[in-house]
Amino acid sequence: MFFFFAGGVQQQVKKVLKSGAGRCINCGSAADLVENEKVLKLFFVPVWRWPGKEPLMHCDNCNIFFFPTKFNLHPPVLDKIRCNFCSREVNNTDYRFCPFCGSGL
């Protein structure tokens, strides 16, 4: 007999505790402080959920979870942002894309 099994454990956001509480460690965009839950999925159907042990930071852009540190709980007030692709300074913090190369900030 041959059995086919498709499943796994995935983390999901349960509740947002504080929106924009820090910066993502991967892409530098705003990250939220969230309560998370772990979900067991069998054949892509959620079967069992259980809460995470402590609040985590979650980036919507990268979709990653990471532990908050004392350095990224409060985002610094930035007057200038540096583009990750071309390394040029962007004066306006309202831009979502670099005006020089067009990559996302």
PDB file of N, CA and C in Angstrom:
ATOM      1  N   MET A   1       0.832  -1.184   0.000  1.00  0.00           N
ATOM      2  CA  MET A   1       0.000   0.000   0.000  1.00  0.00           C
ATOM      3  C   MET A   1       0.872   1.241   0.000  1.00  0.00           C
ATOM      4  N   PHE A   2       0.349   2.247  -0.623  1.00  0.00           N
ATOM      5  CA  PHE A   2       1.059   3.510  -0.700  1.00  0.00           C
ATOM      6  C   PHE A   2       0.175   4.603  -0.109  1.00  0.00           C
ATOM      7  N   PHE A   3       0.717   5.329   0.863  1.00  0.00           N
ATOM      8  CA  PHE A   3      -0.028   6.420   1.495  1.00  0.00           C
ATOM      9  C   PHE A   3       0.573   7.747   1.079  1.00  0.00           C
ATOM     10  N   PHE A   4      -0.277   8.661   0.727  1.00  0.00           N
ATOM     11  CA  PHE A   4       0.147  10.011   0.359  1.00  0.00           C
ATOM     12  C   PHE A   4      -0.261  10.950   1.482  1.00  0.00           C
ATOM     13  N   PHE A   5       0.704  11.709   1.995  1.00  0.00           N
ATOM     14  CA  PHE A   5       0.449  12.606   3.117  1.00  0.00           C
ATOM     15  C   PHE A   5       0.926  13.999   2.746  1.00  0.00           C
ATOM     16  N   ALA A   6       0.060  14.977   2.893  1.00  0.00           N
ATOM     17  CA  ALA A   6       0.426  16.376   2.668  1.00  0.00           C
ATOM     18  C   ALA A   6      -0.051  17.173   3.864  1.00  0.00           C
ATOM     19  N   GLY A   7       0.884  17.754   4.574  1.00  0.00           N
ATOM     20  CA  GLY A   7       0.503  18.532   5.750  1.00  0.00           C
ATOM     21  C   GLY A   7       1.707  19.220   6.348  1.00  0.00           C
ATOM     22  N   GLY A   8       1.450  19.980   7.389  1.00  0.00           N
ATOM     23  CA  GLY A   8       2.535  20.667   8.069  1.00  0.00           C
ATOM     24  C   GLY A   8       2.004  21.645   9.097  1.00  0.00           C
ATOM     25  N   VAL A   9       2.923  22.302   9.786  1.00  0.00           N
ATOM     26  CA  VAL A   9       2.597  23.300  10.797  1.00  0.00           C
ATOM     27  C   VAL A   9       2.970  24.669  10.255  1.00  0.00           C
ATOM     28  N   GLN A  10       2.075  25.630  10.427  1.00  0.00           N
ATOM     29  CA  GLN A  10       2.282  26.980   9.910  1.00  0.00           C
ATOM     30  C   GLN A  10       1.916  27.991  10.994  1.00  0.00           C
ATOM     31  N   GLN A  11       2.622  29.130  11.020  1.00  0.00           N
ATOM     32  CA  GLN A  11       2.287  30.212  11.947  1.00  0.00           C
ATOM     33  C   GLN A  11       1.360  31.194  11.252  1.00  0.00           C
ATOM     34  N   GLN A  12       0.350  31.673  11.998  1.00  0.00           N
ATOM     35  CA  GLN A  12      -0.576  32.659  11.468  1.00  0.00           C
ATOM     36  C   GLN A  12      -0.791  33.755  12.504  1.00  0.00           C
ATOM     37  N   VAL A  13      -1.179  34.923  12.032  1.00  0.00           N
ATOM     38  CA  VAL A  13      -1.475  36.044  12.922  1.00  0.00           C
ATOM     39  C   VAL A  13      -2.848  35.828  13.536  1.00  0.00           C
ATOM     40  N   LYS A  14      -2.912  35.895  14.864  1.00  0.00           N
ATOM     41  CA  LYS A  14      -4.187  35.754  15.555  1.00  0.00           C
ATOM     42  C   LYS A  14      -4.800  37.121  15.817  1.00  0.00           C
ATOM     43  N   LYS A  15      -3.995  38.055  16.357  1.00  0.00           N
ATOM     44  CA  LYS A  15      -4.489  39.391  16.669  1.00  0.00           C
ATOM     45  C   LYS A  15      -3.323  40.363  16.615  1.00  0.00           C
ATOM     46  N   VAL A  16      -3.554  41.537  16.042  1.00  0.00           N
ATOM     47  CA  VAL A  16      -2.528  42.583  15.992  1.00  0.00           C
ATOM     48  C   VAL A  16      -2.592  43.365  17.301  1.00  0.00           C
ATOM     49  N   LEU A  17      -1.475  43.361  18.044  1.00  0.00           N
ATOM     50  CA  LEU A  17      -1.416  44.089  19.309  1.00  0.00           C
ATOM     51  C   LEU A  17      -1.069  45.558  19.101  1.00  0.00           C
ATOM     52  N   LYS A  18      -0.099  45.813  18.223  1.00  0.00           N
ATOM     53  CA  LYS A  18       0.304  47.184  17.937  1.00  0.00           C
ATOM     54  C   LYS A  18       0.776  47.262  16.494  1.00  0.00           C
ATOM     55  N   SER A  19       0.102  48.103  15.735  1.00  0.00           N
ATOM     56  CA  SER A  19       0.433  48.237  14.325  1.00  0.00           C
ATOM     57  C   SER A  19       1.641  49.159  14.158  1.00  0.00           C
ATOM     58  N   GLY A  20       2.578  48.776  13.309  1.00  0.00           N
ATOM     59  CA  GLY A  20       3.769  49.585  13.055  1.00  0.00           C
ATOM     60  C   GLY A  20       4.671  49.728  14.262  1.00  0.00           C
ATOM     61  N   ALA A  21       4.806  48.666  15.047  1.00  0.00           N
ATOM     62  CA  ALA A  21       5.577  48.723  16.291  1.00  0.00           C
ATOM     63  C   ALA A  21       7.084  48.667  16.074  1.00  0.00           C
ATOM     64  N   GLY A  22       7.537  48.306  14.904  1.00  0.00           N
ATOM     65  CA  GLY A  22       8.975  48.212  14.657  1.00  0.00           C
ATOM     66  C   GLY A  22       9.263  48.085  13.179  1.00  0.00           C
ATOM     67  N   ARG A  23      10.512  47.759  12.878  1.00  0.00           N
ATOM     68  CA  ARG A  23      10.960  47.584  11.497  1.00  0.00           C
ATOM     69  C   ARG A  23      11.310  46.126  11.260  1.00  0.00           C
ATOM     70  N   CYS A  24      11.060  45.684  10.041  1.00  0.00           N
ATOM     71  CA  CYS A  24      11.377  44.309   9.658  1.00  0.00           C
ATOM     72  C   CYS A  24      12.889  44.124   9.598  1.00  0.00           C
ATOM     73  N   ILE A  25      13.363  42.978  10.064  1.00  0.00           N
ATOM     74  CA  ILE A  25      14.799  42.705  10.048  1.00  0.00           C
ATOM     75  C   ILE A  25      15.264  42.288   8.664  1.00  0.00           C
ATOM     76  N   ASN A  26      14.321  41.934   7.781  1.00  0.00           N
ATOM     77  CA  ASN A  26      14.684  41.485   6.445  1.00  0.00           C
ATOM     78  C   ASN A  26      14.627  42.612   5.421  1.00  0.00           C
ATOM     79  N   CYS A  27      13.483  43.328   5.353  1.00  0.00           N
ATOM     80  CA  CYS A  27      13.307  44.333   4.302  1.00  0.00           C
ATOM     81  C   CYS A  27      13.277  45.759   4.824  1.00  0.00           C
ATOM     82  N   GLY A  28      13.142  45.969   6.128  1.00  0.00           N
ATOM     83  CA  GLY A  28      13.145  47.310   6.702  1.00  0.00           C
ATOM     84  C   GLY A  28      11.808  48.014   6.690  1.00  0.00           C
ATOM     85  N   SER A  29      10.741  47.361   6.222  1.00  0.00           N
ATOM     86  CA  SER A  29       9.426  47.999   6.226  1.00  0.00           C
ATOM     87  C   SER A  29       8.806  47.878   7.615  1.00  0.00           C
ATOM     88  N   ALA A  30       7.660  48.511   7.805  1.00  0.00           N
ATOM     89  CA  ALA A  30       7.003  48.500   9.115  1.00  0.00           C
ATOM     90  C   ALA A  30       6.541  47.088   9.463  1.00  0.00           C
ATOM     91  N   ALA A  31       6.706  46.728  10.732  1.00  0.00           N
ATOM     92  CA  ALA A  31       6.293  45.414  11.229  1.00  0.00           C
ATOM     93  C   ALA A  31       5.347  45.606  12.405  1.00  0.00           C
ATOM     94  N   ASP A  32       4.410  44.689  12.561  1.00  0.00           N
ATOM     95  CA  ASP A  32       3.398  44.763  13.612  1.00  0.00           C
ATOM     96  C   ASP A  32       3.739  43.801  14.741  1.00  0.00           C
ATOM     97  N   LEU A  33       3.391  44.196  15.960  1.00  0.00           N
ATOM     98  CA  LEU A  33       3.499  43.306  17.115  1.00  0.00           C
ATOM     99  C   LEU A  33       2.201  42.510  17.176  1.00  0.00           C
ATOM    100  N   VAL A  34       2.286  41.179  17.091  1.00  0.00           N
ATOM    101  CA  VAL A  34       1.094  40.340  16.968  1.00  0.00           C
ATOM    102  C   VAL A  34       1.130  39.169  17.939  1.00  0.00           C
ATOM    103  N   GLU A  35      -0.080  38.678  18.250  1.00  0.00           N
ATOM    104  CA  GLU A  35      -0.212  37.376  18.887  1.00  0.00           C
ATOM    105  C   GLU A  35      -0.329  36.378  17.750  1.00  0.00           C
ATOM    106  N   ASN A  36       0.407  35.308  17.855  1.00  0.00           N
ATOM    107  CA  ASN A  36       0.392  34.328  16.771  1.00  0.00           C
ATOM    108  C   ASN A  36      -0.196  33.021  17.255  1.00  0.00           C
ATOM    109  N   GLU A  37      -0.557  32.195  16.299  1.00  0.00           N
ATOM    110  CA  GLU A  37      -1.018  30.853  16.604  1.00  0.00           C
ATOM    111  C   GLU A  37      -0.411  29.895  15.585  1.00  0.00           C
ATOM    112  N   LYS A  38      -0.207  28.688  16.014  1.00  0.00           N
ATOM    113  CA  LYS A  38       0.325  27.661  15.129  1.00  0.00           C
ATOM    114  C   LYS A  38      -0.835  26.795  14.675  1.00  0.00           C
ATOM    115  N   VAL A  39      -0.806  26.448  13.388  1.00  0.00           N
ATOM    116  CA  VAL A  39      -1.917  25.711  12.784  1.00  0.00           C
ATOM    117  C   VAL A  39      -1.369  24.441  12.149  1.00  0.00           C
ATOM    118  N   LEU A  40      -1.955  23.312  12.528  1.00  0.00           N
ATOM    119  CA  LEU A  40      -1.630  22.029  11.904  1.00  0.00           C
ATOM    120  C   LEU A  40      -2.583  21.840  10.738  1.00  0.00           C
ATOM    121  N   LYS A  41      -2.009  21.647   9.550  1.00  0.00           N
ATOM    122  CA  LYS A  41      -2.829  21.462   8.350  1.00  0.00           C
ATOM    123  C   LYS A  41      -2.563  20.083   7.766  1.00  0.00           C
ATOM    124  N   LEU A  42      -3.632  19.377   7.461  1.00  0.00           N
ATOM    125  CA  LEU A  42      -3.558  18.094   6.773  1.00  0.00           C
ATOM    126  C   LEU A  42      -4.317  18.228   5.465  1.00  0.00           C
ATOM    127  N   PHE A  43      -3.641  17.951   4.375  1.00  0.00           N
ATOM    128  CA  PHE A  43      -4.204  18.122   3.040  1.00  0.00           C
ATOM    129  C   PHE A  43      -4.750  19.537   2.859  1.00  0.00           C
ATOM    130  N   PHE A  44      -3.991  20.520   3.373  1.00  0.00           N
ATOM    131  CA  PHE A  44      -4.258  21.952   3.246  1.00  0.00           C
ATOM    132  C   PHE A  44      -5.518  22.413   3.960  1.00  0.00           C
ATOM    133  N   VAL A  45      -6.034  21.613   4.893  1.00  0.00           N
ATOM    134  CA  VAL A  45      -7.201  21.965   5.696  1.00  0.00           C
ATOM    135  C   VAL A  45      -6.744  22.115   7.146  1.00  0.00           C
ATOM    136  N   PRO A  46      -7.042  23.259   7.797  1.00  0.00           N
ATOM    137  CA  PRO A  46      -6.657  23.425   9.200  1.00  0.00           C
ATOM    138  C   PRO A  46      -7.366  22.395  10.089  1.00  0.00           C
ATOM    139  N   VAL A  47      -6.565  21.681  10.870  1.00  0.00           N
ATOM    140  CA  VAL A  47      -7.114  20.638  11.733  1.00  0.00           C
ATOM    141  C   VAL A  47      -7.065  21.062  13.195  1.00  0.00           C
ATOM    142  N   TRP A  48      -5.938  21.648  13.617  1.00  0.00           N
ATOM    143  CA  TRP A  48      -5.774  21.990  15.012  1.00  0.00           C
ATOM    144  C   TRP A  48      -5.006  23.298  15.109  1.00  0.00           C
ATOM    145  N   ARG A  49      -5.446  24.174  16.037  1.00  0.00           N
ATOM    146  CA  ARG A  49      -4.774  25.457  16.292  1.00  0.00           C
ATOM    147  C   ARG A  49      -4.386  25.521  17.764  1.00  0.00           C
ATOM    148  N   TRP A  50      -3.206  26.076  18.033  1.00  0.00           N
ATOM    149  CA  TRP A  50      -2.811  26.327  19.407  1.00  0.00           C
ATOM    150  C   TRP A  50      -2.034  27.646  19.450  1.00  0.00           C
ATOM    151  N   PRO A  51      -2.173  28.393  20.572  1.00  0.00           N
ATOM    152  CA  PRO A  51      -1.574  29.732  20.639  1.00  0.00           C
ATOM    153  C   PRO A  51      -0.056  29.681  20.761  1.00  0.00           C
ATOM    154  N   GLY A  52       0.584  30.741  20.272  1.00  0.00           N
ATOM    155  CA  GLY A  52       2.022  30.885  20.432  1.00  0.00           C
ATOM    156  C   GLY A  52       2.354  31.253  21.870  1.00  0.00           C
ATOM    157  N   LYS A  53       3.599  31.096  22.243  1.00  0.00           N
ATOM    158  CA  LYS A  53       3.990  31.321  23.634  1.00  0.00           C
ATOM    159  C   LYS A  53       4.139  32.790  23.989  1.00  0.00           C
ATOM    160  N   GLU A  54       4.612  33.614  23.059  1.00  0.00           N
ATOM    161  CA  GLU A  54       4.823  35.026  23.340  1.00  0.00           C
ATOM    162  C   GLU A  54       4.573  35.840  22.081  1.00  0.00           C
ATOM    163  N   PRO A  55       4.314  37.138  22.236  1.00  0.00           N
ATOM    164  CA  PRO A  55       4.072  37.971  21.052  1.00  0.00           C
ATOM    165  C   PRO A  55       5.302  38.049  20.151  1.00  0.00           C
ATOM    166  N   LEU A  56       5.052  38.119  18.853  1.00  0.00           N
ATOM    167  CA  LEU A  56       6.117  38.208  17.860  1.00  0.00           C
ATOM    168  C   LEU A  56       5.885  39.414  16.968  1.00  0.00           C
ATOM    169  N   MET A  57       6.916  39.787  16.239  1.00  0.00           N
ATOM    170  CA  MET A  57       6.795  40.817  15.221  1.00  0.00           C
ATOM    171  C   MET A  57       6.484  40.113  13.903  1.00  0.00           C
ATOM    172  N   HIS A  58       5.609  40.731  13.090  1.00  0.00           N
ATOM    173  CA  HIS A  58       5.229  40.154  11.801  1.00  0.00           C
ATOM    174  C   HIS A  58       5.306  41.217  10.725  1.00  0.00           C
ATOM    175  N   CYS A  59       5.973  40.893   9.633  1.00  0.00           N
ATOM    176  CA  CYS A  59       6.082  41.784   8.484  1.00  0.00           C
ATOM    177  C   CYS A  59       5.115  41.311   7.410  1.00  0.00           C
ATOM    178  N   ASP A  60       4.193  42.200   6.990  1.00  0.00           N
ATOM    179  CA  ASP A  60       3.244  41.842   5.929  1.00  0.00           C
ATOM    180  C   ASP A  60       3.930  41.758   4.576  1.00  0.00           C
ATOM    181  N   ASN A  61       4.998  42.529   4.401  1.00  0.00           N
ATOM    182  CA  ASN A  61       5.701  42.561   3.129  1.00  0.00           C
ATOM    183  C   ASN A  61       6.439  41.234   2.873  1.00  0.00           C
ATOM    184  N   CYS A  62       7.220  40.787   3.846  1.00  0.00           N
ATOM    185  CA  CYS A  62       7.997  39.542   3.718  1.00  0.00           C
ATOM    186  C   CYS A  62       7.231  38.316   4.196  1.00  0.00           C
ATOM    187  N   ASN A  63       6.190  38.533   5.000  1.00  0.00           N
ATOM    188  CA  ASN A  63       5.417  37.467   5.628  1.00  0.00           C
ATOM    189  C   ASN A  63       6.296  36.599   6.523  1.00  0.00           C
ATOM    190  N   ILE A  64       7.171  37.246   7.312  1.00  0.00           N
ATOM    191  CA  ILE A  64       8.010  36.504   8.257  1.00  0.00           C
ATOM    192  C   ILE A  64       7.653  36.919   9.680  1.00  0.00           C
ATOM    193  N   PHE A  65       7.911  36.024  10.618  1.00  0.00           N
ATOM    194  CA  PHE A  65       7.765  36.287  12.042  1.00  0.00           C
ATOM    195  C   PHE A  65       9.164  36.363  12.639  1.00  0.00           C
ATOM    196  N   PHE A  66       9.370  37.290  13.579  1.00  0.00           N
ATOM    197  CA  PHE A  66      10.646  37.355  14.279  1.00  0.00           C
ATOM    198  C   PHE A  66      10.410  37.898  15.678  1.00  0.00           C
ATOM    199  N   PHE A  67      11.353  37.597  16.570  1.00  0.00           N
ATOM    200  CA  PHE A  67      11.226  38.016  17.957  1.00  0.00           C
ATOM    201  C   PHE A  67      11.512  39.502  18.091  1.00  0.00           C
ATOM    202  N   PRO A  68      10.703  40.217  18.874  1.00  0.00           N
ATOM    203  CA  PRO A  68      10.990  41.642  19.082  1.00  0.00           C
ATOM    204  C   PRO A  68      12.197  41.808  19.995  1.00  0.00           C
ATOM    205  N   THR A  69      12.958  42.833  19.727  1.00  0.00           N
ATOM    206  CA  THR A  69      14.078  43.179  20.584  1.00  0.00           C
ATOM    207  C   THR A  69      13.857  44.587  21.098  1.00  0.00           C
ATOM    208  N   LYS A  70      14.653  44.997  22.041  1.00  0.00           N
ATOM    209  CA  LYS A  70      14.472  46.340  22.586  1.00  0.00           C
ATOM    210  C   LYS A  70      14.834  47.412  21.562  1.00  0.00           C
ATOM    211  N   PHE A  71      15.513  47.022  20.494  1.00  0.00           N
ATOM    212  CA  PHE A  71      15.918  47.998  19.490  1.00  0.00           C
ATOM    213  C   PHE A  71      14.859  48.220  18.419  1.00  0.00           C
ATOM    214  N   ASN A  72      13.990  47.237  18.156  1.00  0.00           N
ATOM    215  CA  ASN A  72      13.030  47.429  17.085  1.00  0.00           C
ATOM    216  C   ASN A  72      11.589  47.557  17.558  1.00  0.00           C
ATOM    217  N   LEU A  73      11.336  47.703  18.871  1.00  0.00           N
ATOM    218  CA  LEU A  73       9.975  47.906  19.341  1.00  0.00           C
ATOM    219  C   LEU A  73       9.441  49.269  18.959  1.00  0.00           C
ATOM    220  N   HIS A  74      10.273  50.282  18.987  1.00  0.00           N
ATOM    221  CA  HIS A  74       9.861  51.623  18.610  1.00  0.00           C
ATOM    222  C   HIS A  74      10.655  52.029  17.376  1.00  0.00           C
ATOM    223  N   PRO A  75       9.971  52.226  16.256  1.00  0.00           N
ATOM    224  CA  PRO A  75      10.713  52.578  15.045  1.00  0.00           C
ATOM    225  C   PRO A  75      11.354  53.948  15.180  1.00  0.00           C
ATOM    226  N   PRO A  76      12.570  54.096  14.713  1.00  0.00           N
ATOM    227  CA  PRO A  76      13.229  55.389  14.804  1.00  0.00           C
ATOM    228  C   PRO A  76      12.560  56.399  13.871  1.00  0.00           C
ATOM    229  N   VAL A  77      12.608  57.649  14.268  1.00  0.00           N
ATOM    230  CA  VAL A  77      12.080  58.703  13.419  1.00  0.00           C
ATOM    231  C   VAL A  77      13.128  58.986  12.350  1.00  0.00           C
ATOM    232  N   LEU A  78      12.761  58.695  11.115  1.00  0.00           N
ATOM    233  CA  LEU A  78      13.705  58.819  10.019  1.00  0.00           C
ATOM    234  C   LEU A  78      13.351  60.018   9.149  1.00  0.00           C
ATOM    235  N   ASP A  79      14.339  60.851   8.861  1.00  0.00           N
ATOM    236  CA  ASP A  79      14.149  61.939   7.909  1.00  0.00           C
ATOM    237  C   ASP A  79      14.526  61.485   6.506  1.00  0.00           C
ATOM    238  N   LYS A  80      15.447  60.542   6.435  1.00  0.00           N
ATOM    239  CA  LYS A  80      15.901  60.030   5.147  1.00  0.00           C
ATOM    240  C   LYS A  80      15.919  58.513   5.198  1.00  0.00           C
ATOM    241  N   ILE A  81      15.581  57.920   4.089  1.00  0.00           N
ATOM    242  CA  ILE A  81      15.613  56.465   3.951  1.00  0.00           C
ATOM    243  C   ILE A  81      16.646  56.128   2.887  1.00  0.00           C
ATOM    244  N   ARG A  82      17.372  55.042   3.110  1.00  0.00           N
ATOM    245  CA  ARG A  82      18.358  54.592   2.130  1.00  0.00           C
ATOM    246  C   ARG A  82      17.774  53.412   1.365  1.00  0.00           C
ATOM    247  N   CYS A  83      17.860  53.485   0.035  1.00  0.00           N
ATOM    248  CA  CYS A  83      17.359  52.410  -0.827  1.00  0.00           C
ATOM    249  C   CYS A  83      18.251  51.178  -0.660  1.00  0.00           C
ATOM    250  N   ASN A  84      17.620  50.017  -0.514  1.00  0.00           N
ATOM    251  CA  ASN A  84      18.382  48.778  -0.340  1.00  0.00           C
ATOM    252  C   ASN A  84      19.029  48.306  -1.640  1.00  0.00           C
ATOM    253  N   PHE A  85      18.501  48.748  -2.777  1.00  0.00           N
ATOM    254  CA  PHE A  85      19.013  48.281  -4.058  1.00  0.00           C
ATOM    255  C   PHE A  85      20.159  49.157  -4.575  1.00  0.00           C
ATOM    256  N   CYS A  86      19.939  50.497  -4.637  1.00  0.00           N
ATOM    257  CA  CYS A  86      20.969  51.373  -5.206  1.00  0.00           C
ATOM    258  C   CYS A  86      21.753  52.145  -4.137  1.00  0.00           C
ATOM    259  N   SER A  87      21.373  52.008  -2.866  1.00  0.00           N
ATOM    260  CA  SER A  87      22.064  52.623  -1.714  1.00  0.00           C
ATOM    261  C   SER A  87      22.077  54.148  -1.748  1.00  0.00           C
ATOM    262  N   ARG A  88      21.116  54.758  -2.431  1.00  0.00           N
ATOM    263  CA  ARG A  88      21.019  56.221  -2.446  1.00  0.00           C
ATOM    264  C   ARG A  88      20.009  56.671  -1.410  1.00  0.00           C
ATOM    265  N   GLU A  89      20.230  57.863  -0.845  1.00  0.00           N
ATOM    266  CA  GLU A  89      19.326  58.386   0.159  1.00  0.00           C
ATOM    267  C   GLU A  89      18.099  59.013  -0.498  1.00  0.00           C
ATOM    268  N   VAL A  90      16.937  58.684   0.078  1.00  0.00           N
ATOM    269  CA  VAL A  90      15.673  59.244  -0.377  1.00  0.00           C
ATOM    270  C   VAL A  90      15.205  60.208   0.709  1.00  0.00           C
ATOM    271  N   ASN A  91      14.988  61.456   0.357  1.00  0.00           N
ATOM    272  CA  ASN A  91      14.676  62.487   1.347  1.00  0.00           C
ATOM    273  C   ASN A  91      13.268  62.377   1.904  1.00  0.00           C
ATOM    274  N   ASN A  92      12.308  61.985   1.109  1.00  0.00           N
ATOM    275  CA  ASN A  92      10.924  61.926   1.550  1.00  0.00           C
ATOM    276  C   ASN A  92      10.609  60.523   2.063  1.00  0.00           C
ATOM    277  N   THR A  93      10.125  60.417   3.313  1.00  0.00           N
ATOM    278  CA  THR A  93       9.819  59.107   3.893  1.00  0.00           C
ATOM    279  C   THR A  93       8.457  58.588   3.444  1.00  0.00           C
ATOM    280  N   ASP A  94       7.677  59.398   2.708  1.00  0.00           N
ATOM    281  CA  ASP A  94       6.370  58.952   2.232  1.00  0.00           C
ATOM    282  C   ASP A  94       6.465  58.124   0.958  1.00  0.00           C
ATOM    283  N   TYR A  95       7.610  58.100   0.312  1.00  0.00           N
ATOM    284  CA  TYR A  95       7.779  57.332  -0.913  1.00  0.00           C
ATOM    285  C   TYR A  95       7.736  55.842  -0.616  1.00  0.00           C
ATOM    286  N   ARG A  96       7.072  55.086  -1.480  1.00  0.00           N
ATOM    287  CA  ARG A  96       7.055  53.638  -1.358  1.00  0.00           C
ATOM    288  C   ARG A  96       8.063  52.993  -2.307  1.00  0.00           C
ATOM    289  N   PHE A  97       8.505  53.776  -3.318  1.00  0.00           N
ATOM    290  CA  PHE A  97       9.462  53.291  -4.291  1.00  0.00           C
ATOM    291  C   PHE A  97      10.600  54.302  -4.418  1.00  0.00           C
ATOM    292  N   CYS A  98      11.786  53.819  -4.730  1.00  0.00           N
ATOM    293  CA  CYS A  98      12.955  54.682  -4.897  1.00  0.00           C
ATOM    294  C   CYS A  98      12.773  55.532  -6.172  1.00  0.00           C
ATOM    295  N   PRO A  99      12.936  56.864  -6.078  1.00  0.00           N
ATOM    296  CA  PRO A  99      12.792  57.701  -7.277  1.00  0.00           C
ATOM    297  C   PRO A  99      13.950  57.556  -8.245  1.00  0.00           C
ATOM    298  N   PHE A 100      15.053  56.951  -7.825  1.00  0.00           N
ATOM    299  CA  PHE A 100      16.226  56.825  -8.671  1.00  0.00           C
ATOM    300  C   PHE A 100      16.238  55.517  -9.470  1.00  0.00           C
ATOM    301  N   CYS A 101      15.918  54.402  -8.795  1.00  0.00           N
ATOM    302  CA  CYS A 101      15.980  53.107  -9.482  1.00  0.00           C
ATOM    303  C   CYS A 101      14.625  52.422  -9.618  1.00  0.00           C
ATOM    304  N   GLY A 102      13.619  52.863  -8.849  1.00  0.00           N
ATOM    305  CA  GLY A 102      12.261  52.300  -8.961  1.00  0.00           C
ATOM    306  C   GLY A 102      12.001  51.076  -8.124  1.00  0.00           C
ATOM    307  N   SER A 103      12.969  50.626  -7.325  1.00  0.00           N
ATOM    308  CA  SER A 103      12.730  49.440  -6.480  1.00  0.00           C
ATOM    309  C   SER A 103      11.936  49.849  -5.250  1.00  0.00           C
ATOM    310  N   GLY A 104      11.262  48.878  -4.617  1.00  0.00           N
ATOM    311  CA  GLY A 104      10.463  49.140  -3.434  1.00  0.00           C
ATOM    312  C   GLY A 104      11.321  49.492  -2.224  1.00  0.00           C
ATOM    313  N   LEU A 105      10.827  50.435  -1.431  1.00  0.00           N
ATOM    314  CA  LEU A 105      11.573  50.832  -0.228  1.00  0.00           C
ATOM    315  C   LEU A 105      11.139  50.016   0.930  1.00  0.00           C
TER     316      LEU A 105
END
